[in-house]
Structure formats: structure tokens, C-alpha cells
């Protein structure tokens, strides 16, 4: 079952690369759960990754992409609702790092589902409804913003089986 790669506007590629990193975050959390890594360690990882990578990505999407769609757009509403749900989970992990295994798994699942929604439905929708010159401006903004992205400084590689 070979699925052809999704053709993506070059202007949205920086966000798709972020999505790849987001899928890795979800995978690492699931791997940590499989390896019985402490929930506190996993919560701390999730909060760090959110603050360093996911939050800036969400802001870029909300300001540069979602704002180009009507506030009544169903895909925009769904993506914004998922952003809000993820932010709520992060606040819970931050205030109670000993979160339940179920909450950690739910986070990984929601992040994965959210990324797949954006890649498979929202981005193709945006590419159809946003004017090409507007997409070019978005691409330039993303290029500028991604030129200064912080490196990942998380050194606890709990997902590697020893």
C-alpha cells in the first residue's frame, strides 16, 4: 500500500517540516509509555517541546494561515479547537507533571490527529481558497520566522531502549 506523498505548496513546507517534528514528539511519548518511562519525565518533555516548538508553530498557523479563512470555516474551527485542547493539556501537565498514562497517551493521539488533519485536509483547503500571491507572502513570513528557530536542547533520550 504505497501512498503517494502529498503535494504541498512550497510556501507551506516550513509548517509541514514542523509537523514532521510534531509527529516525532508523539512517537517519542508513545515510545516512552511503552518503555515505562515515568509520567513526570514524559510530562516534562511534553511541556518543554510545547514551549520550544509547538507553541510558536501554533501561533504561526493561527496568525498567518487560520486568519485567512472565515471564522465560520469548519476546518479552521476544528484546528483552532484542537490547538485549544492541546494548550489545555499542556497547562495540566505543567501544573501536575505526574499526569496519568492515559492523559499522556491522549496527548500523543491528539497531536498526531491534529497534524494529520492539517496536512490532509486544512492545508489542501488553504491552497485552494487563499490567493497564490497571498500564499507567497505567507511563505516569505514563514521563511523569515524559521530562519531563527531554536535548536532542540532536550538531552534526555528516554525513547531509546537501552
N, C-alpha and C. Protein backbone atom coordinates (compact mmCIF):
# COMPACT_ATOMS: atom_id res chain seq x y z
N UNK A 1 0.84 -1.18 0.00
CA UNK A 1 0.00 0.00 0.00
C UNK A 1 0.88 1.24 0.00
N UNK A 2 1.29 1.67 -1.16
CA UNK A 2 2.12 2.86 -1.30
C UNK A 2 1.23 4.08 -1.50
N UNK A 3 1.28 4.99 -0.54
CA UNK A 3 0.54 6.23 -0.64
C UNK A 3 1.47 7.27 -1.21
N UNK A 4 1.07 7.91 -2.31
CA UNK A 4 1.95 8.94 -2.87
C UNK A 4 2.08 10.11 -1.90
N UNK A 5 3.24 10.76 -1.89
CA UNK A 5 3.41 11.91 -1.00
C UNK A 5 2.43 13.02 -1.38
N UNK A 6 2.04 13.77 -0.37
CA UNK A 6 1.12 14.89 -0.59
C UNK A 6 1.90 16.03 -1.23
N UNK A 7 1.38 16.53 -2.34
CA UNK A 7 1.97 17.71 -2.97
C UNK A 7 1.61 18.92 -2.11
N UNK A 8 2.61 19.67 -1.76
CA UNK A 8 2.41 20.79 -0.85
C UNK A 8 2.96 22.06 -1.49
N UNK A 9 2.24 23.15 -1.36
CA UNK A 9 2.75 24.44 -1.80
C UNK A 9 4.08 24.69 -1.11
N UNK A 10 5.05 25.15 -1.87
CA UNK A 10 6.37 25.42 -1.28
C UNK A 10 6.27 26.43 -0.14
N UNK A 11 5.22 27.23 -0.15
CA UNK A 11 5.05 28.24 0.88
C UNK A 11 4.64 27.66 2.23
N UNK A 12 4.11 26.44 2.22
CA UNK A 12 3.68 25.80 3.46
C UNK A 12 4.66 24.74 3.95
N UNK A 13 5.71 24.50 3.18
CA UNK A 13 6.68 23.45 3.53
C UNK A 13 7.29 23.66 4.91
N UNK A 14 7.64 24.89 5.33
CA UNK A 14 8.19 25.03 6.69
C UNK A 14 7.25 24.49 7.77
N UNK A 15 5.95 24.68 7.59
CA UNK A 15 4.99 24.16 8.57
C UNK A 15 4.90 22.64 8.48
N UNK A 16 4.99 22.10 7.27
CA UNK A 16 4.99 20.64 7.11
C UNK A 16 6.22 20.02 7.76
N UNK A 17 7.35 20.69 7.69
CA UNK A 17 8.56 20.19 8.38
C UNK A 17 8.34 20.22 9.89
N UNK A 18 7.70 21.27 10.39
CA UNK A 18 7.35 21.32 11.81
C UNK A 18 6.43 20.15 12.16
N UNK A 19 5.52 19.83 11.26
CA UNK A 19 4.59 18.72 11.51
C UNK A 19 5.34 17.40 11.62
N UNK A 20 6.36 17.23 10.81
CA UNK A 20 7.18 16.02 10.94
C UNK A 20 7.77 15.94 12.35
N UNK A 21 8.29 17.06 12.82
CA UNK A 21 8.86 17.11 14.18
C UNK A 21 7.78 16.84 15.23
N UNK A 22 6.57 17.35 14.99
CA UNK A 22 5.46 17.10 15.92
C UNK A 22 5.08 15.63 15.97
N UNK A 23 5.10 14.96 14.82
CA UNK A 23 4.81 13.52 14.80
C UNK A 23 5.89 12.76 15.57
N UNK A 24 7.13 13.25 15.51
CA UNK A 24 8.20 12.62 16.29
C UNK A 24 7.97 12.81 17.79
N UNK A 25 7.45 13.96 18.18
CA UNK A 25 7.13 14.18 19.60
C UNK A 25 6.10 13.15 20.05
N UNK A 26 5.04 12.98 19.26
CA UNK A 26 4.00 11.99 19.61
C UNK A 26 4.60 10.59 19.68
N UNK A 27 5.44 10.25 18.71
CA UNK A 27 6.08 8.92 18.70
C UNK A 27 6.94 8.73 19.95
N UNK A 28 7.72 9.75 20.31
CA UNK A 28 8.60 9.65 21.48
C UNK A 28 7.78 9.45 22.76
N UNK A 29 6.67 10.15 22.88
CA UNK A 29 5.82 9.96 24.06
C UNK A 29 5.29 8.53 24.09
N UNK A 30 4.81 8.04 22.96
CA UNK A 30 4.30 6.66 22.92
C UNK A 30 5.40 5.66 23.23
N UNK A 31 6.58 5.91 22.70
CA UNK A 31 7.72 5.03 22.98
C UNK A 31 8.05 5.07 24.47
N UNK A 32 8.03 6.26 25.05
CA UNK A 32 8.27 6.39 26.49
C UNK A 32 7.25 5.61 27.31
N UNK A 33 6.01 5.66 26.88
CA UNK A 33 4.96 4.89 27.58
C UNK A 33 5.22 3.39 27.45
N UNK A 34 5.62 2.95 26.25
CA UNK A 34 5.92 1.52 26.05
C UNK A 34 7.10 1.06 26.90
N UNK A 35 8.05 1.98 27.13
CA UNK A 35 9.24 1.64 27.91
C UNK A 35 9.06 1.90 29.40
N UNK A 36 7.84 2.25 29.80
CA UNK A 36 7.53 2.53 31.21
C UNK A 36 8.37 3.66 31.80
N UNK A 37 8.61 4.68 31.00
CA UNK A 37 9.30 5.87 31.49
C UNK A 37 8.34 6.59 32.44
N UNK A 38 8.86 7.21 33.47
CA UNK A 38 7.98 7.86 34.45
C UNK A 38 7.13 8.94 33.78
N UNK A 39 5.91 9.04 34.26
CA UNK A 39 4.98 10.02 33.70
C UNK A 39 5.49 11.44 33.90
N UNK A 40 6.18 11.69 34.99
CA UNK A 40 6.73 13.02 35.24
C UNK A 40 7.77 13.36 34.18
N UNK A 41 8.64 12.42 33.85
CA UNK A 41 9.64 12.65 32.80
C UNK A 41 8.97 12.96 31.47
N UNK A 42 7.93 12.21 31.15
CA UNK A 42 7.22 12.41 29.88
C UNK A 42 6.49 13.76 29.88
N UNK A 43 5.86 14.09 30.99
CA UNK A 43 5.17 15.39 31.08
C UNK A 43 6.16 16.54 30.92
N UNK A 44 7.31 16.44 31.55
CA UNK A 44 8.32 17.49 31.44
C UNK A 44 8.80 17.62 29.99
N UNK A 45 8.97 16.49 29.31
CA UNK A 45 9.36 16.51 27.90
C UNK A 45 8.28 17.22 27.06
N UNK A 46 7.03 16.85 27.28
CA UNK A 46 5.93 17.43 26.51
C UNK A 46 5.86 18.94 26.72
N UNK A 47 5.94 19.38 27.96
CA UNK A 47 5.87 20.82 28.25
C UNK A 47 7.04 21.55 27.58
N UNK A 48 8.24 20.96 27.66
CA UNK A 48 9.40 21.57 27.01
C UNK A 48 9.21 21.68 25.50
N UNK A 49 8.76 20.59 24.88
CA UNK A 49 8.58 20.59 23.44
C UNK A 49 7.46 21.55 23.01
N UNK A 50 6.44 21.66 23.83
CA UNK A 50 5.38 22.61 23.52
C UNK A 50 5.93 24.03 23.56
N UNK A 51 6.61 24.37 24.65
CA UNK A 51 7.11 25.74 24.79
C UNK A 51 8.15 26.09 23.73
N UNK A 52 8.99 25.14 23.39
CA UNK A 52 10.07 25.39 22.44
C UNK A 52 9.61 25.33 20.98
N UNK A 53 8.76 24.37 20.65
CA UNK A 53 8.43 24.11 19.25
C UNK A 53 6.95 24.26 18.90
N UNK A 54 6.09 23.62 19.65
CA UNK A 54 4.68 23.57 19.26
C UNK A 54 3.97 24.92 19.42
N UNK A 55 4.21 25.60 20.53
CA UNK A 55 3.55 26.89 20.74
C UNK A 55 3.90 27.89 19.64
N UNK A 56 5.19 28.09 19.33
CA UNK A 56 5.50 29.02 18.23
C UNK A 56 4.86 28.59 16.90
N UNK A 57 4.81 27.29 16.66
CA UNK A 57 4.17 26.77 15.45
C UNK A 57 2.68 27.10 15.44
N UNK A 58 2.01 26.88 16.56
CA UNK A 58 0.58 27.19 16.65
C UNK A 58 0.33 28.68 16.36
N UNK A 59 1.16 29.53 16.93
CA UNK A 59 0.99 30.98 16.73
C UNK A 59 1.17 31.32 15.25
N UNK A 60 2.17 30.73 14.61
CA UNK A 60 2.36 30.97 13.17
C UNK A 60 1.12 30.56 12.39
N UNK A 61 0.61 29.38 12.67
CA UNK A 61 -0.58 28.91 11.95
C UNK A 61 -1.78 29.83 12.19
N UNK A 62 -1.99 30.19 13.43
CA UNK A 62 -3.16 31.00 13.77
C UNK A 62 -3.07 32.39 13.14
N UNK A 63 -1.88 32.99 13.18
CA UNK A 63 -1.73 34.34 12.65
C UNK A 63 -1.61 34.39 11.13
N UNK A 64 -0.88 33.44 10.57
CA UNK A 64 -0.59 33.51 9.14
C UNK A 64 -1.57 32.72 8.27
N UNK A 65 -2.14 31.64 8.80
CA UNK A 65 -3.00 30.79 7.98
C UNK A 65 -4.47 30.89 8.35
N UNK A 66 -4.78 30.54 9.60
CA UNK A 66 -6.18 30.48 10.01
C UNK A 66 -6.88 31.82 9.77
N UNK A 67 -6.14 32.89 9.97
CA UNK A 67 -6.72 34.23 9.80
C UNK A 67 -7.12 34.51 8.35
N UNK A 68 -6.66 33.71 7.43
CA UNK A 68 -7.01 33.88 6.00
C UNK A 68 -8.34 33.21 5.67
N UNK A 69 -8.87 32.46 6.62
CA UNK A 69 -10.14 31.75 6.41
C UNK A 69 -11.24 32.46 7.20
N UNK A 70 -12.47 32.36 6.74
CA UNK A 70 -13.57 32.94 7.53
C UNK A 70 -13.65 32.26 8.90
N UNK A 71 -14.05 33.00 9.91
CA UNK A 71 -14.13 32.43 11.26
C UNK A 71 -15.14 31.30 11.34
N UNK A 72 -16.03 31.20 10.35
CA UNK A 72 -17.02 30.13 10.32
C UNK A 72 -16.54 28.88 9.56
N UNK A 73 -15.34 28.92 9.01
CA UNK A 73 -14.80 27.78 8.25
C UNK A 73 -14.66 26.57 9.16
N UNK A 74 -15.25 25.44 8.77
CA UNK A 74 -15.28 24.24 9.62
C UNK A 74 -13.89 23.71 9.93
N UNK A 75 -13.00 23.68 8.94
CA UNK A 75 -11.65 23.18 9.19
C UNK A 75 -10.86 24.12 10.11
N UNK A 76 -11.05 25.42 9.92
CA UNK A 76 -10.41 26.38 10.81
C UNK A 76 -10.88 26.17 12.25
N UNK A 77 -12.20 26.03 12.42
CA UNK A 77 -12.77 25.84 13.76
C UNK A 77 -12.21 24.56 14.39
N UNK A 78 -12.16 23.49 13.61
CA UNK A 78 -11.65 22.22 14.16
C UNK A 78 -10.19 22.34 14.56
N UNK A 79 -9.37 22.96 13.71
CA UNK A 79 -7.95 23.13 14.03
C UNK A 79 -7.76 24.03 15.25
N UNK A 80 -8.52 25.11 15.32
CA UNK A 80 -8.41 26.00 16.49
C UNK A 80 -8.86 25.30 17.76
N UNK A 81 -9.92 24.50 17.66
CA UNK A 81 -10.37 23.73 18.83
C UNK A 81 -9.30 22.75 19.29
N UNK A 82 -8.63 22.11 18.34
CA UNK A 82 -7.55 21.18 18.69
C UNK A 82 -6.38 21.92 19.33
N UNK A 83 -6.03 23.10 18.81
CA UNK A 83 -4.98 23.90 19.44
C UNK A 83 -5.36 24.20 20.89
N UNK A 84 -6.61 24.59 21.10
CA UNK A 84 -7.07 24.92 22.46
C UNK A 84 -7.00 23.69 23.36
N UNK A 85 -7.40 22.54 22.85
CA UNK A 85 -7.37 21.31 23.65
C UNK A 85 -5.93 20.93 24.00
N UNK A 86 -5.02 21.09 23.06
CA UNK A 86 -3.61 20.78 23.33
C UNK A 86 -3.06 21.76 24.36
N UNK A 87 -3.37 23.02 24.23
CA UNK A 87 -2.90 24.02 25.22
C UNK A 87 -3.44 23.68 26.61
N UNK A 88 -4.68 23.24 26.67
CA UNK A 88 -5.28 22.87 27.96
C UNK A 88 -4.53 21.67 28.56
N UNK A 89 -4.19 20.69 27.72
CA UNK A 89 -3.43 19.53 28.20
C UNK A 89 -2.06 19.96 28.72
N UNK A 90 -1.41 20.88 28.00
CA UNK A 90 -0.09 21.35 28.41
C UNK A 90 -0.17 22.03 29.77
N UNK A 91 -1.19 22.85 29.96
CA UNK A 91 -1.36 23.52 31.26
C UNK A 91 -1.52 22.49 32.37
N UNK A 92 -2.25 21.41 32.10
CA UNK A 92 -2.42 20.35 33.10
C UNK A 92 -1.10 19.64 33.37
N UNK A 93 -0.34 19.33 32.33
CA UNK A 93 0.96 18.66 32.52
C UNK A 93 1.92 19.56 33.28
N UNK A 94 1.86 20.85 33.00
CA UNK A 94 2.76 21.80 33.66
C UNK A 94 2.43 21.93 35.14
N UNK A 95 1.15 21.90 35.47
CA UNK A 95 0.76 22.06 36.88
C UNK A 95 0.80 20.75 37.64
N UNK A 96 0.71 19.61 36.94
CA UNK A 96 0.74 18.30 37.60
C UNK A 96 1.55 17.33 36.73
N UNK A 97 2.88 17.41 36.81
CA UNK A 97 3.72 16.58 35.95
C UNK A 97 3.55 15.07 36.14
N UNK A 98 2.93 14.67 37.24
CA UNK A 98 2.72 13.24 37.47
C UNK A 98 1.45 12.77 36.77
N UNK A 99 1.12 13.39 35.66
CA UNK A 99 -0.09 13.10 34.89
C UNK A 99 -0.27 11.61 34.65
N UNK A 100 -1.50 11.22 34.37
CA UNK A 100 -1.80 9.81 34.16
C UNK A 100 -1.27 9.33 32.81
N UNK A 101 -1.04 8.04 32.74
CA UNK A 101 -0.61 7.41 31.49
C UNK A 101 -1.66 7.67 30.41
N UNK A 102 -2.92 7.60 30.78
CA UNK A 102 -4.00 7.84 29.82
C UNK A 102 -3.94 9.26 29.27
N UNK A 103 -3.68 10.25 30.13
CA UNK A 103 -3.58 11.64 29.67
C UNK A 103 -2.41 11.82 28.71
N UNK A 104 -1.29 11.17 29.01
CA UNK A 104 -0.11 11.26 28.13
C UNK A 104 -0.39 10.62 26.78
N UNK A 105 -1.05 9.47 26.79
CA UNK A 105 -1.40 8.80 25.53
C UNK A 105 -2.42 9.64 24.76
N UNK A 106 -3.36 10.24 25.47
CA UNK A 106 -4.34 11.10 24.80
C UNK A 106 -3.68 12.30 24.13
N UNK A 107 -2.66 12.86 24.80
CA UNK A 107 -1.92 13.96 24.19
C UNK A 107 -1.26 13.51 22.89
N UNK A 108 -0.56 12.39 22.93
CA UNK A 108 0.13 11.89 21.73
C UNK A 108 -0.88 11.65 20.61
N UNK A 109 -2.02 11.08 20.94
CA UNK A 109 -3.05 10.80 19.93
C UNK A 109 -3.63 12.09 19.35
N UNK A 110 -3.92 13.06 20.21
CA UNK A 110 -4.48 14.32 19.73
C UNK A 110 -3.48 15.06 18.86
N UNK A 111 -2.23 15.10 19.27
CA UNK A 111 -1.21 15.78 18.47
C UNK A 111 -1.10 15.12 17.10
N UNK A 112 -1.06 13.81 17.07
CA UNK A 112 -0.98 13.06 15.82
C UNK A 112 -2.21 13.35 14.95
N UNK A 113 -3.39 13.25 15.52
CA UNK A 113 -4.63 13.51 14.78
C UNK A 113 -4.67 14.93 14.24
N UNK A 114 -4.23 15.88 15.05
CA UNK A 114 -4.23 17.29 14.66
C UNK A 114 -3.32 17.52 13.46
N UNK A 115 -2.13 16.99 13.53
CA UNK A 115 -1.17 17.17 12.43
C UNK A 115 -1.73 16.55 11.15
N UNK A 116 -2.29 15.38 11.26
CA UNK A 116 -2.85 14.72 10.07
C UNK A 116 -4.04 15.49 9.50
N UNK A 117 -4.87 16.09 10.36
CA UNK A 117 -5.96 16.95 9.90
C UNK A 117 -5.40 18.11 9.08
N UNK A 118 -4.40 18.76 9.62
CA UNK A 118 -3.84 19.92 8.92
C UNK A 118 -3.20 19.51 7.59
N UNK A 119 -2.42 18.45 7.61
CA UNK A 119 -1.72 18.05 6.39
C UNK A 119 -2.67 17.52 5.32
N UNK A 120 -3.65 16.74 5.72
CA UNK A 120 -4.51 16.06 4.74
C UNK A 120 -5.74 16.87 4.33
N UNK A 121 -6.18 17.77 5.21
CA UNK A 121 -7.42 18.50 4.91
C UNK A 121 -7.25 20.02 4.91
N UNK A 122 -6.70 20.56 5.99
CA UNK A 122 -6.65 22.02 6.12
C UNK A 122 -5.69 22.66 5.12
N UNK A 123 -4.49 22.13 4.99
CA UNK A 123 -3.53 22.74 4.06
C UNK A 123 -4.03 22.67 2.61
N UNK A 124 -4.52 21.51 2.14
CA UNK A 124 -5.07 21.50 0.77
C UNK A 124 -6.23 22.50 0.61
N UNK A 125 -7.05 22.63 1.63
CA UNK A 125 -8.16 23.59 1.61
C UNK A 125 -7.61 25.02 1.48
N UNK A 126 -6.61 25.35 2.28
CA UNK A 126 -6.00 26.68 2.21
C UNK A 126 -5.40 26.95 0.84
N UNK A 127 -4.74 25.94 0.29
CA UNK A 127 -4.10 26.10 -1.03
C UNK A 127 -5.14 26.40 -2.11
N UNK A 128 -6.38 25.95 -1.90
CA UNK A 128 -7.46 26.20 -2.88
C UNK A 128 -8.10 27.58 -2.69
N UNK A 129 -8.24 28.01 -1.43
CA UNK A 129 -9.03 29.22 -1.19
C UNK A 129 -8.20 30.49 -0.98
N UNK A 130 -6.92 30.35 -0.68
CA UNK A 130 -6.07 31.52 -0.48
C UNK A 130 -5.39 31.84 -1.82
N UNK A 131 -5.42 33.10 -2.20
CA UNK A 131 -4.83 33.53 -3.47
C UNK A 131 -3.33 33.21 -3.49
N UNK A 132 -2.80 32.84 -4.67
CA UNK A 132 -1.38 32.50 -4.78
C UNK A 132 -0.44 33.60 -4.28
N UNK A 133 -0.75 34.86 -4.56
CA UNK A 133 0.13 35.93 -4.09
C UNK A 133 0.10 36.04 -2.57
N UNK A 134 -1.05 35.73 -1.97
CA UNK A 134 -1.17 35.72 -0.50
C UNK A 134 -0.35 34.56 0.08
N UNK A 135 -0.40 33.40 -0.57
CA UNK A 135 0.42 32.26 -0.14
C UNK A 135 1.91 32.58 -0.24
N UNK A 136 2.29 33.33 -1.27
CA UNK A 136 3.69 33.74 -1.41
C UNK A 136 4.12 34.62 -0.24
N UNK A 137 3.26 35.54 0.17
CA UNK A 137 3.58 36.39 1.33
C UNK A 137 3.69 35.56 2.60
N UNK A 138 2.79 34.61 2.77
CA UNK A 138 2.85 33.71 3.93
C UNK A 138 4.17 32.94 3.91
N UNK A 139 4.54 32.44 2.72
CA UNK A 139 5.80 31.70 2.60
C UNK A 139 7.01 32.54 2.99
N UNK A 140 7.01 33.80 2.59
CA UNK A 140 8.13 34.70 2.95
C UNK A 140 8.18 34.93 4.46
N UNK A 141 7.01 35.11 5.06
CA UNK A 141 6.96 35.29 6.52
C UNK A 141 7.47 34.04 7.23
N UNK A 142 7.04 32.87 6.76
CA UNK A 142 7.47 31.61 7.39
C UNK A 142 8.97 31.40 7.21
N UNK A 143 9.48 31.73 6.04
CA UNK A 143 10.93 31.60 5.80
C UNK A 143 11.71 32.47 6.78
N UNK A 144 11.26 33.69 6.97
CA UNK A 144 11.92 34.61 7.91
C UNK A 144 11.83 34.08 9.34
N UNK A 145 10.65 33.63 9.74
CA UNK A 145 10.46 33.12 11.10
C UNK A 145 11.26 31.85 11.35
N UNK A 146 11.35 30.99 10.37
CA UNK A 146 12.03 29.71 10.54
C UNK A 146 13.55 29.85 10.46
N UNK A 147 14.03 30.98 10.00
CA UNK A 147 15.48 31.20 9.96
C UNK A 147 16.05 31.34 11.36
N UNK A 148 15.19 31.64 12.34
CA UNK A 148 15.66 31.86 13.71
C UNK A 148 15.08 30.84 14.69
N UNK A 149 14.65 29.69 14.20
CA UNK A 149 14.06 28.67 15.09
C UNK A 149 15.13 28.15 16.05
N UNK A 150 14.75 27.96 17.33
CA UNK A 150 15.72 27.43 18.30
C UNK A 150 16.02 25.95 18.05
N UNK A 151 17.23 25.57 18.37
CA UNK A 151 17.60 24.15 18.28
C UNK A 151 16.95 23.41 19.45
N UNK A 152 16.77 22.12 19.26
CA UNK A 152 16.20 21.31 20.34
C UNK A 152 17.31 20.98 21.32
N UNK A 153 17.14 21.42 22.55
CA UNK A 153 18.16 21.20 23.57
C UNK A 153 17.73 20.17 24.60
N UNK A 154 16.78 19.35 24.26
CA UNK A 154 16.33 18.29 25.17
C UNK A 154 17.31 17.13 25.05
N UNK A 155 17.99 16.78 26.15
CA UNK A 155 19.05 15.78 26.08
C UNK A 155 18.66 14.42 26.66
N UNK A 156 17.53 14.33 27.32
CA UNK A 156 17.08 13.07 27.92
C UNK A 156 16.40 12.23 26.83
N UNK A 157 17.13 11.32 26.24
CA UNK A 157 16.62 10.50 25.15
C UNK A 157 15.95 9.23 25.70
N UNK A 158 14.89 9.42 26.45
CA UNK A 158 14.19 8.33 27.12
C UNK A 158 13.60 7.32 26.13
N UNK A 159 13.39 7.73 24.91
CA UNK A 159 12.75 6.88 23.91
C UNK A 159 13.69 5.82 23.32
N UNK A 160 14.98 5.94 23.63
CA UNK A 160 15.95 4.96 23.13
C UNK A 160 16.07 3.83 24.13
N UNK A 161 15.73 2.64 23.69
CA UNK A 161 15.79 1.45 24.57
C UNK A 161 17.25 1.11 24.82
N UNK A 162 17.59 0.96 26.10
CA UNK A 162 18.99 0.66 26.45
C UNK A 162 19.16 -0.78 26.85
